Amino acid sequence: MIFQIIAITGSILSFVALNFPLILVGRFFYGISAGVFLSVGPVIIEHSVPGKYMNNGYGSSTNIAIAGGISMYMSLGMLIPLNDAEL
């Protein structure tokens, strides 16, 4: 619950920031909470899913989803124009 509040605070700071240092502070708070969620998520799945189902991909599903999301936004980032002439 504490890291959810930190993540929401970081998101709001990044969204309403009027200057670059405040955006960095918001991204820092959001990054700290995202790191906690990434390390705690598989542990929660391991404790909540019965052991006989863990070999069906539940243990690695979090990491596969993260890798897929990173690949997706990196691929979409290649579509952004690099200069005004490409617009």
C-alpha atoms as a PDB file:
ATOM      1  CA  MET A   1       0.000   0.000   0.000  1.00  0.00           C
ATOM      2  CA  ILE A   2       2.845   2.391   0.802  1.00  0.00           C
ATOM      3  CA  PHE A   3       4.550   1.852  -2.554  1.00  0.00           C
ATOM      4  CA  GLN A   4       1.244   2.285  -4.386  1.00  0.00           C
ATOM      5  CA  ILE A   5       0.928   5.714  -2.794  1.00  0.00           C
ATOM      6  CA  ILE A   6       4.547   6.488  -3.724  1.00  0.00           C
ATOM      7  CA  ALA A   7       3.855   5.414  -7.332  1.00  0.00           C
ATOM      8  CA  ILE A   8       0.731   7.570  -7.557  1.00  0.00           C
ATOM      9  CA  THR A   9       2.604  10.520  -6.044  1.00  0.00           C
ATOM     10  CA  GLY A  10       5.450  10.096  -8.537  1.00  0.00           C
ATOM     11  CA  SER A  11       3.010   9.895 -11.440  1.00  0.00           C
ATOM     12  CA  ILE A  12       1.181  13.028 -10.353  1.00  0.00           C
ATOM     13  CA  LEU A  13       4.466  14.896  -9.867  1.00  0.00           C
ATOM     14  CA  SER A  14       5.606  13.921 -13.356  1.00  0.00           C
ATOM     15  CA  PHE A  15       2.267  14.876 -14.880  1.00  0.00           C
ATOM     16  CA  VAL A  16       1.826  18.309 -13.330  1.00  0.00           C
ATOM     17  CA  ALA A  17       5.509  19.299 -13.217  1.00  0.00           C
ATOM     18  CA  LEU A  18       6.318  22.761 -14.468  1.00  0.00           C
ATOM     19  CA  ASN A  19      10.065  22.205 -14.656  1.00  0.00           C
ATOM     20  CA  PHE A  20      12.482  19.397 -15.474  1.00  0.00           C
ATOM     21  CA  PRO A  21      13.851  18.750 -11.943  1.00  0.00           C
ATOM     22  CA  LEU A  22      10.326  18.103 -10.657  1.00  0.00           C
ATOM     23  CA  ILE A  23       9.768  15.615 -13.484  1.00  0.00           C
ATOM     24  CA  LEU A  24      12.968  13.847 -12.395  1.00  0.00           C
ATOM     25  CA  VAL A  25      11.781  13.678  -8.781  1.00  0.00           C
ATOM     26  CA  GLY A  26       8.454  12.210  -9.878  1.00  0.00           C
ATOM     27  CA  ARG A  27      10.167   9.658 -12.112  1.00  0.00           C
ATOM     28  CA  PHE A  28      12.513   8.737  -9.259  1.00  0.00           C
ATOM     29  CA  PHE A  29       9.607   7.999  -6.900  1.00  0.00           C
ATOM     30  CA  TYR A  30       7.779   6.067  -9.581  1.00  0.00           C
ATOM     31  CA  GLY A  31      10.936   4.096 -10.434  1.00  0.00           C
ATOM     32  CA  ILE A  32      11.516   3.114  -6.807  1.00  0.00           C
ATOM     33  CA  SER A  33       7.979   1.779  -6.479  1.00  0.00           C
ATOM     34  CA  ALA A  34       8.158   0.025  -9.865  1.00  0.00           C
ATOM     35  CA  GLY A  35      11.332  -1.743  -8.753  1.00  0.00           C
ATOM     36  CA  VAL A  36       9.616  -2.938  -5.597  1.00  0.00           C
ATOM     37  CA  PHE A  37       6.603  -4.164  -7.588  1.00  0.00           C
ATOM     38  CA  LEU A  38       8.852  -6.034 -10.028  1.00  0.00           C
ATOM     39  CA  SER A  39      10.651  -7.873  -7.264  1.00  0.00           C
ATOM     40  CA  VAL A  40       7.597  -8.560  -5.090  1.00  0.00           C
ATOM     41  CA  GLY A  41       5.195  -9.561  -7.889  1.00  0.00           C
ATOM     42  CA  PRO A  42       6.699 -12.996  -8.582  1.00  0.00           C
ATOM     43  CA  VAL A  43       6.875 -13.709  -4.843  1.00  0.00           C
ATOM     44  CA  ILE A  44       3.176 -12.930  -4.430  1.00  0.00           C
ATOM     45  CA  ILE A  45       2.359 -15.156  -7.407  1.00  0.00           C
ATOM     46  CA  GLU A  46       4.470 -17.947  -5.901  1.00  0.00           C
ATOM     47  CA  HIS A  47       2.635 -17.712  -2.582  1.00  0.00           C
ATOM     48  CA  SER A  48      -0.862 -17.477  -4.048  1.00  0.00           C
ATOM     49  CA  VAL A  49      -0.692 -20.068  -6.856  1.00  0.00           C
ATOM     50  CA  PRO A  50      -0.609 -23.721  -5.749  1.00  0.00           C
ATOM     51  CA  GLY A  51       2.681 -25.515  -6.382  1.00  0.00           C
ATOM     52  CA  LYS A  52       1.270 -27.952  -8.915  1.00  0.00           C
ATOM     53  CA  TYR A  53       0.393 -25.068 -11.263  1.00  0.00           C
ATOM     54  CA  MET A  54       3.714 -23.213 -10.995  1.00  0.00           C
ATOM     55  CA  ASN A  55       5.263 -25.227 -13.838  1.00  0.00           C
ATOM     56  CA  ASN A  56       2.589 -23.965 -16.244  1.00  0.00           C
ATOM     57  CA  GLY A  57       4.199 -20.547 -16.646  1.00  0.00           C
ATOM     58  CA  TYR A  58       2.912 -18.648 -13.627  1.00  0.00           C
ATOM     59  CA  GLY A  59       6.404 -18.074 -12.270  1.00  0.00           C
ATOM     60  CA  SER A  60       7.748 -16.541 -15.461  1.00  0.00           C
ATOM     61  CA  SER A  61       4.588 -14.749 -16.626  1.00  0.00           C
ATOM     62  CA  THR A  62       5.542 -11.491 -14.892  1.00  0.00           C
ATOM     63  CA  ASN A  63       8.963 -11.355 -16.548  1.00  0.00           C
ATOM     64  CA  ILE A  64       7.559 -12.306 -19.954  1.00  0.00           C
ATOM     65  CA  ALA A  65       4.953  -9.529 -19.714  1.00  0.00           C
ATOM     66  CA  ILE A  66       7.614  -6.993 -18.724  1.00  0.00           C
ATOM     67  CA  ALA A  67       9.925  -8.009 -21.581  1.00  0.00           C
ATOM     68  CA  GLY A  68       7.009  -7.875 -24.037  1.00  0.00           C
ATOM     69  CA  GLY A  69       6.008  -4.409 -22.847  1.00  0.00           C
ATOM     70  CA  ILE A  70       9.551  -3.090 -23.131  1.00  0.00           C
ATOM     71  CA  SER A  71       9.875  -4.540 -26.629  1.00  0.00           C
ATOM     72  CA  MET A  72       6.560  -2.979 -27.645  1.00  0.00           C
ATOM     73  CA  TYR A  73       7.339   0.556 -26.512  1.00  0.00           C
ATOM     74  CA  MET A  74      10.877   0.408 -27.903  1.00  0.00           C
ATOM     75  CA  SER A  75       9.443  -0.661 -31.270  1.00  0.00           C
ATOM     76  CA  LEU A  76       6.830   2.096 -31.167  1.00  0.00           C
ATOM     77  CA  GLY A  77       9.559   4.599 -30.299  1.00  0.00           C
ATOM     78  CA  MET A  78      11.167   3.962 -33.676  1.00  0.00           C
ATOM     79  CA  LEU A  79       8.086   5.530 -35.312  1.00  0.00           C
ATOM     80  CA  ILE A  80       8.674   8.917 -33.651  1.00  0.00           C
ATOM     81  CA  PRO A  81      10.086  11.454 -36.130  1.00  0.00           C
ATOM     82  CA  LEU A  82      13.617  12.605 -35.333  1.00  0.00           C
ATOM     83  CA  ASN A  83      13.297  16.107 -36.801  1.00  0.00           C
ATOM     84  CA  ASP A  84      10.716  18.537 -38.176  1.00  0.00           C
ATOM     85  CA  ALA A  85      11.375  17.511 -41.779  1.00  0.00           C
ATOM     86  CA  GLU A  86      10.034  14.009 -41.082  1.00  0.00           C
ATOM     87  CA  LEU A  87       6.727  15.355 -39.778  1.00  0.00           C
END
